[in-house]
N, C-alpha and C. Protein backbone atom coordinates (compact mmCIF):
# COMPACT_ATOMS: atom_id res chain seq x y z
N MET A 1 -2.31 -18.59 35.76
CA MET A 1 -1.31 -18.55 34.71
C MET A 1 0.03 -18.17 35.34
N ALA A 2 1.06 -18.83 34.92
CA ALA A 2 2.38 -18.62 35.51
C ALA A 2 3.05 -17.40 34.90
N ASP A 3 3.80 -16.70 35.71
CA ASP A 3 4.56 -15.55 35.25
C ASP A 3 5.74 -16.06 34.43
N PRO A 4 5.99 -15.54 33.18
CA PRO A 4 7.07 -16.04 32.36
C PRO A 4 8.44 -15.89 33.00
N VAL A 5 8.61 -14.84 33.79
CA VAL A 5 9.91 -14.63 34.40
C VAL A 5 10.14 -15.63 35.53
N SER A 6 9.11 -15.86 36.32
CA SER A 6 9.29 -16.76 37.45
C SER A 6 9.25 -18.23 37.04
N SER A 7 8.78 -18.53 35.81
CA SER A 7 8.71 -19.93 35.39
C SER A 7 10.01 -20.42 34.77
N GLY A 8 11.05 -19.60 34.80
CA GLY A 8 12.34 -20.07 34.32
C GLY A 8 12.68 -19.60 32.91
N ASP A 9 11.78 -18.90 32.21
CA ASP A 9 12.10 -18.39 30.89
C ASP A 9 13.09 -17.25 31.02
N ASP A 10 13.93 -17.08 30.00
CA ASP A 10 14.91 -16.00 30.03
C ASP A 10 14.41 -14.80 29.25
N THR A 11 13.18 -14.43 29.46
CA THR A 11 12.60 -13.28 28.77
C THR A 11 12.54 -12.10 29.73
N SER A 12 12.53 -10.92 29.15
CA SER A 12 12.40 -9.73 29.96
C SER A 12 10.93 -9.45 30.21
N LEU A 13 10.63 -8.54 31.09
CA LEU A 13 9.24 -8.22 31.40
C LEU A 13 8.52 -7.62 30.20
N GLY A 14 9.24 -7.02 29.27
CA GLY A 14 8.63 -6.38 28.11
C GLY A 14 8.51 -7.28 26.89
N ALA A 15 8.76 -8.56 27.02
CA ALA A 15 8.71 -9.47 25.88
C ALA A 15 7.28 -9.62 25.38
N ILE A 16 7.15 -9.65 24.07
CA ILE A 16 5.83 -9.79 23.44
C ILE A 16 5.78 -11.13 22.73
N ARG A 17 4.72 -11.86 22.97
CA ARG A 17 4.56 -13.15 22.32
C ARG A 17 4.35 -12.98 20.83
N CYS A 18 4.84 -13.94 20.05
CA CYS A 18 4.68 -13.87 18.61
C CYS A 18 3.44 -14.66 18.18
N SER A 19 2.88 -14.26 17.06
CA SER A 19 1.69 -14.92 16.54
C SER A 19 2.08 -15.95 15.49
N ASP A 20 1.12 -16.77 15.10
CA ASP A 20 1.36 -17.73 14.02
C ASP A 20 1.67 -17.01 12.72
N GLY A 21 1.03 -15.87 12.49
CA GLY A 21 1.30 -15.09 11.29
C GLY A 21 2.73 -14.58 11.25
N GLU A 22 3.24 -14.13 12.39
CA GLU A 22 4.62 -13.66 12.45
C GLU A 22 5.60 -14.81 12.24
N ARG A 23 5.28 -15.98 12.76
CA ARG A 23 6.11 -17.15 12.51
C ARG A 23 6.13 -17.47 11.01
N GLU A 24 4.97 -17.38 10.37
CA GLU A 24 4.88 -17.67 8.94
C GLU A 24 5.66 -16.65 8.11
N GLN A 25 5.62 -15.38 8.51
CA GLN A 25 6.41 -14.36 7.81
C GLN A 25 7.91 -14.66 7.92
N THR A 26 8.33 -15.10 9.09
CA THR A 26 9.74 -15.44 9.28
C THR A 26 10.10 -16.66 8.46
N ARG A 27 9.22 -17.65 8.41
CA ARG A 27 9.46 -18.84 7.57
C ARG A 27 9.61 -18.44 6.10
N SER A 28 8.74 -17.56 5.63
CA SER A 28 8.81 -17.11 4.24
C SER A 28 10.10 -16.36 3.96
N ARG A 29 10.50 -15.54 4.91
CA ARG A 29 11.75 -14.79 4.77
C ARG A 29 12.95 -15.73 4.70
N LEU A 30 12.93 -16.78 5.52
CA LEU A 30 14.01 -17.76 5.51
C LEU A 30 14.01 -18.55 4.20
N ALA A 31 12.84 -18.94 3.72
CA ALA A 31 12.75 -19.68 2.47
C ALA A 31 13.25 -18.83 1.30
N GLN A 32 12.93 -17.54 1.31
CA GLN A 32 13.41 -16.66 0.26
C GLN A 32 14.93 -16.54 0.32
N ALA A 33 15.47 -16.43 1.53
CA ALA A 33 16.92 -16.33 1.68
C ALA A 33 17.60 -17.60 1.19
N ALA A 34 17.01 -18.76 1.46
CA ALA A 34 17.58 -20.01 0.97
C ALA A 34 17.49 -20.07 -0.55
N GLY A 35 16.40 -19.60 -1.12
CA GLY A 35 16.24 -19.58 -2.57
C GLY A 35 17.24 -18.65 -3.24
N GLU A 36 17.62 -17.58 -2.57
CA GLU A 36 18.60 -16.63 -3.10
C GLU A 36 20.03 -17.09 -2.85
N GLY A 37 20.21 -18.19 -2.09
CA GLY A 37 21.55 -18.70 -1.79
C GLY A 37 22.22 -18.01 -0.63
N ARG A 38 21.48 -17.30 0.18
CA ARG A 38 22.07 -16.61 1.32
C ARG A 38 22.36 -17.57 2.48
N ILE A 39 21.55 -18.60 2.61
CA ILE A 39 21.77 -19.62 3.63
C ILE A 39 21.64 -20.99 2.97
N THR A 40 22.26 -22.00 3.57
CA THR A 40 22.21 -23.36 3.02
C THR A 40 20.92 -24.05 3.46
N VAL A 41 20.63 -25.18 2.84
CA VAL A 41 19.43 -25.93 3.18
C VAL A 41 19.51 -26.45 4.62
N GLU A 42 20.70 -26.87 5.04
CA GLU A 42 20.86 -27.34 6.43
C GLU A 42 20.61 -26.21 7.41
N GLU A 43 21.14 -25.03 7.10
CA GLU A 43 20.92 -23.87 7.96
C GLU A 43 19.45 -23.48 7.98
N LEU A 44 18.79 -23.62 6.84
CA LEU A 44 17.36 -23.35 6.77
C LEU A 44 16.59 -24.28 7.70
N ASP A 45 16.92 -25.56 7.68
CA ASP A 45 16.25 -26.52 8.56
C ASP A 45 16.46 -26.17 10.03
N ASP A 46 17.69 -25.81 10.39
CA ASP A 46 17.97 -25.43 11.78
C ASP A 46 17.17 -24.20 12.19
N ARG A 47 17.13 -23.22 11.31
CA ARG A 47 16.41 -21.98 11.64
C ARG A 47 14.90 -22.20 11.69
N LEU A 48 14.38 -23.05 10.81
CA LEU A 48 12.95 -23.35 10.85
C LEU A 48 12.56 -24.04 12.15
N ALA A 49 13.45 -24.87 12.67
CA ALA A 49 13.19 -25.51 13.97
C ALA A 49 13.16 -24.45 15.08
N LEU A 50 14.04 -23.46 15.00
CA LEU A 50 14.03 -22.38 15.99
C LEU A 50 12.75 -21.55 15.88
N VAL A 51 12.27 -21.33 14.64
CA VAL A 51 11.03 -20.57 14.44
C VAL A 51 9.86 -21.33 15.05
N ALA A 52 9.83 -22.65 14.84
CA ALA A 52 8.73 -23.45 15.38
C ALA A 52 8.70 -23.41 16.90
N GLY A 53 9.85 -23.30 17.53
CA GLY A 53 9.92 -23.27 18.99
C GLY A 53 9.87 -21.87 19.58
N ALA A 54 9.87 -20.85 18.75
CA ALA A 54 9.89 -19.47 19.24
C ALA A 54 8.56 -19.11 19.89
N ARG A 55 8.64 -18.41 21.03
CA ARG A 55 7.44 -17.96 21.72
C ARG A 55 7.32 -16.45 21.74
N PHE A 56 8.44 -15.75 21.53
CA PHE A 56 8.45 -14.30 21.62
C PHE A 56 9.03 -13.68 20.36
N ARG A 57 8.62 -12.43 20.08
CA ARG A 57 9.06 -11.75 18.86
C ARG A 57 10.57 -11.62 18.77
N HIS A 58 11.22 -11.33 19.88
CA HIS A 58 12.67 -11.15 19.81
C HIS A 58 13.38 -12.44 19.41
N GLU A 59 12.78 -13.58 19.69
CA GLU A 59 13.36 -14.85 19.24
C GLU A 59 13.27 -14.98 17.72
N LEU A 60 12.15 -14.55 17.15
CA LEU A 60 12.00 -14.58 15.69
C LEU A 60 12.97 -13.60 15.04
N ASP A 61 13.12 -12.42 15.65
CA ASP A 61 14.04 -11.43 15.10
C ASP A 61 15.47 -11.95 15.09
N ALA A 62 15.84 -12.69 16.14
CA ALA A 62 17.21 -13.22 16.24
C ALA A 62 17.47 -14.28 15.17
N VAL A 63 16.45 -15.04 14.81
CA VAL A 63 16.62 -16.10 13.81
C VAL A 63 16.97 -15.52 12.44
N ALA A 64 16.40 -14.37 12.12
CA ALA A 64 16.60 -13.78 10.79
C ALA A 64 17.34 -12.45 10.85
N ALA A 65 18.08 -12.20 11.91
CA ALA A 65 18.74 -10.90 12.08
C ALA A 65 19.81 -10.64 11.02
N ASP A 66 20.47 -11.68 10.51
CA ASP A 66 21.54 -11.48 9.54
C ASP A 66 21.05 -11.49 8.09
N LEU A 67 19.74 -11.49 7.89
CA LEU A 67 19.17 -11.50 6.54
C LEU A 67 18.59 -10.13 6.21
N PRO A 68 18.60 -9.75 4.93
CA PRO A 68 18.02 -8.46 4.56
C PRO A 68 16.51 -8.46 4.79
N ARG A 69 15.99 -7.31 5.15
CA ARG A 69 14.55 -7.18 5.37
C ARG A 69 13.84 -7.09 4.03
N PRO A 70 12.62 -7.57 3.99
CA PRO A 70 11.82 -7.35 2.78
C PRO A 70 11.59 -5.85 2.59
N GLU A 71 11.48 -5.41 1.34
CA GLU A 71 11.37 -3.98 1.05
C GLU A 71 10.13 -3.37 1.68
N SER A 72 9.02 -4.08 1.67
CA SER A 72 7.79 -3.51 2.22
C SER A 72 7.92 -3.27 3.72
N GLN A 73 8.59 -4.17 4.43
CA GLN A 73 8.76 -3.99 5.87
C GLN A 73 9.71 -2.83 6.15
N ALA A 74 10.78 -2.73 5.38
CA ALA A 74 11.72 -1.62 5.58
C ALA A 74 11.05 -0.29 5.26
N ALA A 75 10.20 -0.27 4.23
CA ALA A 75 9.51 0.98 3.86
C ALA A 75 8.53 1.40 4.94
N ARG A 76 7.87 0.45 5.59
CA ARG A 76 6.92 0.79 6.65
C ARG A 76 7.62 1.42 7.84
N GLU A 77 8.86 1.07 8.08
CA GLU A 77 9.57 1.57 9.25
C GLU A 77 10.26 2.91 8.99
N ARG A 78 10.37 3.34 7.72
CA ARG A 78 10.97 4.63 7.43
C ARG A 78 9.96 5.73 7.75
N PRO A 79 10.40 6.77 8.42
CA PRO A 79 9.47 7.83 8.79
C PRO A 79 9.22 8.81 7.65
N GLY A 80 8.11 9.50 7.73
CA GLY A 80 7.84 10.64 6.87
C GLY A 80 7.43 10.30 5.45
N TRP A 81 7.87 11.14 4.54
CA TRP A 81 7.47 11.07 3.14
C TRP A 81 8.30 10.11 2.32
N LEU A 82 9.39 9.59 2.84
CA LEU A 82 10.27 8.75 2.04
C LEU A 82 9.56 7.54 1.43
N PRO A 83 8.73 6.79 2.17
CA PRO A 83 8.04 5.66 1.53
C PRO A 83 7.09 6.10 0.43
N ILE A 84 6.43 7.24 0.63
CA ILE A 84 5.49 7.73 -0.38
C ILE A 84 6.24 8.15 -1.63
N LEU A 85 7.35 8.85 -1.47
CA LEU A 85 8.14 9.27 -2.62
C LEU A 85 8.74 8.08 -3.36
N ALA A 86 9.19 7.07 -2.62
CA ALA A 86 9.74 5.88 -3.26
C ALA A 86 8.67 5.15 -4.08
N THR A 87 7.48 5.06 -3.55
CA THR A 87 6.38 4.41 -4.27
C THR A 87 6.01 5.22 -5.51
N ALA A 88 5.95 6.54 -5.38
CA ALA A 88 5.62 7.39 -6.52
C ALA A 88 6.69 7.28 -7.60
N ARG A 89 7.95 7.22 -7.20
CA ARG A 89 9.04 7.08 -8.17
C ARG A 89 8.92 5.76 -8.94
N ARG A 90 8.64 4.67 -8.23
CA ARG A 90 8.47 3.36 -8.89
C ARG A 90 7.30 3.39 -9.86
N GLN A 91 6.19 4.01 -9.45
CA GLN A 91 5.01 4.07 -10.32
C GLN A 91 5.28 4.92 -11.55
N LEU A 92 5.94 6.07 -11.37
CA LEU A 92 6.27 6.92 -12.51
C LEU A 92 7.21 6.22 -13.48
N SER A 93 8.16 5.49 -12.94
CA SER A 93 9.08 4.74 -13.79
C SER A 93 8.34 3.67 -14.59
N ALA A 94 7.44 2.96 -13.93
CA ALA A 94 6.67 1.93 -14.62
C ALA A 94 5.77 2.55 -15.68
N ASP A 95 5.14 3.69 -15.37
CA ASP A 95 4.27 4.34 -16.35
C ASP A 95 5.07 4.90 -17.53
N ALA A 96 6.24 5.44 -17.28
CA ALA A 96 7.07 5.95 -18.37
C ALA A 96 7.52 4.81 -19.27
N THR A 97 7.87 3.69 -18.69
CA THR A 97 8.25 2.51 -19.48
C THR A 97 7.07 2.05 -20.31
N LEU A 98 5.89 2.06 -19.73
CA LEU A 98 4.68 1.67 -20.44
C LEU A 98 4.39 2.63 -21.58
N LEU A 99 4.59 3.91 -21.34
CA LEU A 99 4.27 4.94 -22.33
C LEU A 99 5.15 4.81 -23.57
N VAL A 100 6.42 4.51 -23.39
CA VAL A 100 7.32 4.37 -24.54
C VAL A 100 7.27 2.98 -25.16
N GLY A 101 6.51 2.08 -24.55
CA GLY A 101 6.31 0.76 -25.14
C GLY A 101 7.42 -0.23 -24.91
N ARG A 102 8.22 -0.03 -23.89
CA ARG A 102 9.33 -0.94 -23.60
C ARG A 102 9.04 -1.88 -22.44
N GLY A 103 7.82 -1.88 -21.96
CA GLY A 103 7.46 -2.74 -20.84
C GLY A 103 7.41 -4.20 -21.25
N GLN A 104 7.54 -5.09 -20.29
CA GLN A 104 7.50 -6.52 -20.55
C GLN A 104 6.09 -7.07 -20.55
N VAL A 105 5.14 -6.28 -20.09
CA VAL A 105 3.76 -6.71 -20.01
C VAL A 105 2.97 -6.00 -21.10
N ALA A 106 2.16 -6.78 -21.83
CA ALA A 106 1.31 -6.16 -22.84
C ALA A 106 0.17 -5.42 -22.14
N VAL A 107 -0.07 -4.18 -22.56
CA VAL A 107 -1.11 -3.37 -21.93
C VAL A 107 -2.10 -2.92 -23.00
N SER A 108 -3.27 -2.59 -22.54
CA SER A 108 -4.32 -2.16 -23.47
C SER A 108 -4.04 -0.74 -23.96
N ARG A 109 -4.67 -0.42 -25.08
CA ARG A 109 -4.53 0.94 -25.62
C ARG A 109 -5.16 1.95 -24.67
N ARG A 110 -6.19 1.52 -23.99
CA ARG A 110 -6.87 2.41 -23.04
C ARG A 110 -5.93 2.84 -21.91
N ARG A 111 -5.19 1.87 -21.37
CA ARG A 111 -4.23 2.17 -20.29
C ARG A 111 -3.12 3.08 -20.81
N ARG A 112 -2.62 2.77 -22.00
CA ARG A 112 -1.55 3.57 -22.60
C ARG A 112 -2.05 5.01 -22.83
N TRP A 113 -3.27 5.17 -23.29
CA TRP A 113 -3.87 6.48 -23.53
C TRP A 113 -4.03 7.24 -22.21
N ALA A 114 -4.47 6.54 -21.15
CA ALA A 114 -4.65 7.19 -19.84
C ALA A 114 -3.31 7.70 -19.31
N VAL A 115 -2.25 6.93 -19.47
CA VAL A 115 -0.93 7.37 -19.00
C VAL A 115 -0.47 8.58 -19.81
N PHE A 116 -0.72 8.57 -21.12
CA PHE A 116 -0.34 9.69 -21.97
C PHE A 116 -1.08 10.97 -21.56
N VAL A 117 -2.38 10.87 -21.34
CA VAL A 117 -3.17 12.04 -20.94
C VAL A 117 -2.69 12.56 -19.59
N ALA A 118 -2.40 11.67 -18.66
CA ALA A 118 -1.90 12.09 -17.35
C ALA A 118 -0.56 12.81 -17.48
N ALA A 119 0.32 12.30 -18.34
CA ALA A 119 1.63 12.93 -18.54
C ALA A 119 1.47 14.32 -19.15
N VAL A 120 0.57 14.48 -20.12
CA VAL A 120 0.33 15.79 -20.72
C VAL A 120 -0.25 16.75 -19.69
N ALA A 121 -1.17 16.28 -18.85
CA ALA A 121 -1.76 17.13 -17.81
C ALA A 121 -0.69 17.62 -16.83
N VAL A 122 0.18 16.73 -16.41
CA VAL A 122 1.26 17.11 -15.49
C VAL A 122 2.18 18.13 -16.16
N ALA A 123 2.49 17.93 -17.44
CA ALA A 123 3.36 18.88 -18.15
C ALA A 123 2.69 20.25 -18.25
N LEU A 124 1.40 20.29 -18.52
CA LEU A 124 0.69 21.57 -18.61
C LEU A 124 0.63 22.28 -17.27
N ILE A 125 0.38 21.56 -16.22
CA ILE A 125 0.35 22.16 -14.88
C ILE A 125 1.72 22.72 -14.51
N PHE A 126 2.77 21.94 -14.79
CA PHE A 126 4.13 22.40 -14.50
C PHE A 126 4.44 23.67 -15.29
N THR A 127 4.07 23.68 -16.58
CA THR A 127 4.31 24.86 -17.41
C THR A 127 3.56 26.07 -16.87
N ALA A 128 2.31 25.89 -16.45
CA ALA A 128 1.52 26.99 -15.89
C ALA A 128 2.17 27.52 -14.62
N LEU A 129 2.67 26.65 -13.78
CA LEU A 129 3.33 27.09 -12.55
C LEU A 129 4.61 27.87 -12.85
N VAL A 130 5.39 27.41 -13.82
CA VAL A 130 6.62 28.11 -14.17
C VAL A 130 6.28 29.49 -14.74
N LEU A 131 5.31 29.55 -15.63
CA LEU A 131 4.93 30.85 -16.20
C LEU A 131 4.39 31.79 -15.14
N ALA A 132 3.59 31.28 -14.21
CA ALA A 132 3.06 32.13 -13.14
C ALA A 132 4.19 32.62 -12.24
N THR A 133 5.18 31.80 -12.01
CA THR A 133 6.32 32.20 -11.18
C THR A 133 7.15 33.27 -11.87
N VAL A 134 7.39 33.09 -13.15
CA VAL A 134 8.19 34.05 -13.91
C VAL A 134 7.44 35.38 -14.02
N HIS A 135 6.14 35.31 -14.26
CA HIS A 135 5.34 36.51 -14.43
C HIS A 135 5.18 37.25 -13.11
N GLY A 136 5.06 36.53 -12.03
CA GLY A 136 4.99 37.13 -10.71
C GLY A 136 3.60 37.14 -10.12
N PHE A 137 3.55 37.07 -8.83
CA PHE A 137 2.30 37.14 -8.08
C PHE A 137 2.28 38.45 -7.30
N GLY A 138 1.11 39.04 -7.16
CA GLY A 138 0.99 40.27 -6.38
C GLY A 138 -0.18 40.18 -5.43
N ASP A 139 -0.47 41.30 -4.75
CA ASP A 139 -1.56 41.33 -3.79
C ASP A 139 -2.91 41.13 -4.46
N GLU A 140 -3.04 41.62 -5.66
CA GLU A 140 -4.32 41.54 -6.36
C GLU A 140 -4.25 40.52 -7.50
N GLY A 141 -3.54 39.49 -7.34
CA GLY A 141 -3.40 38.50 -8.40
C GLY A 141 -2.05 38.67 -9.07
N PHE A 142 -2.05 38.54 -10.38
CA PHE A 142 -0.81 38.65 -11.13
C PHE A 142 -0.43 40.11 -11.31
N ASP A 143 0.82 40.42 -11.10
CA ASP A 143 1.33 41.77 -11.38
C ASP A 143 1.61 41.86 -12.87
N HIS A 144 1.19 42.93 -13.47
CA HIS A 144 1.51 43.16 -14.87
C HIS A 144 2.74 44.07 -14.90
N HIS A 145 3.70 43.67 -15.66
CA HIS A 145 4.97 44.38 -15.66
C HIS A 145 4.94 45.69 -16.44
N GLU A 146 4.04 45.83 -17.37
CA GLU A 146 3.90 47.06 -18.15
C GLU A 146 5.25 47.53 -18.67
N LEU A 147 5.89 46.69 -19.46
CA LEU A 147 7.22 47.01 -19.96
C LEU A 147 7.24 48.20 -20.90
N GLY A 148 6.15 48.48 -21.69
CA GLY A 148 6.17 49.55 -22.66
C GLY A 148 5.88 50.92 -22.08
N ARG A 149 5.43 50.98 -20.87
CA ARG A 149 5.07 52.27 -20.25
C ARG A 149 6.20 52.78 -19.37
N GLY A 150 6.39 54.04 -19.34
CA GLY A 150 7.48 54.66 -18.63
C GLY A 150 7.17 55.00 -17.28
């Protein structure tokens, strides 16, 4: 097998070959960008030809470098708790919309009831935590303030 550097390719020693799946993801990203009007149909054809001829990941990245990343890919690259919190926020928003009945999708009474019970449980837990914090914690459990005793 020939060495890519010595065979005349302009790749670095660290270049990673791209898979058919990665090519397909780039094609989908380009098609979405064309559908949104970010690139013209002629530009789409030119870029698809570059994707078909791409052998390395950096070539695919260069073809779509000026396009926004899909949200799922951007979320995977964010470190820490941010992707988890963003997902939880979206789910809570969808559940709150469902609970008040303003959602665009018809849902069963069972699902609506489950969301209501979950919301009540969260409210009760939050209330218990606030009351425990206000009342105070001590070495032996809750401290009793004994306000009436001198």
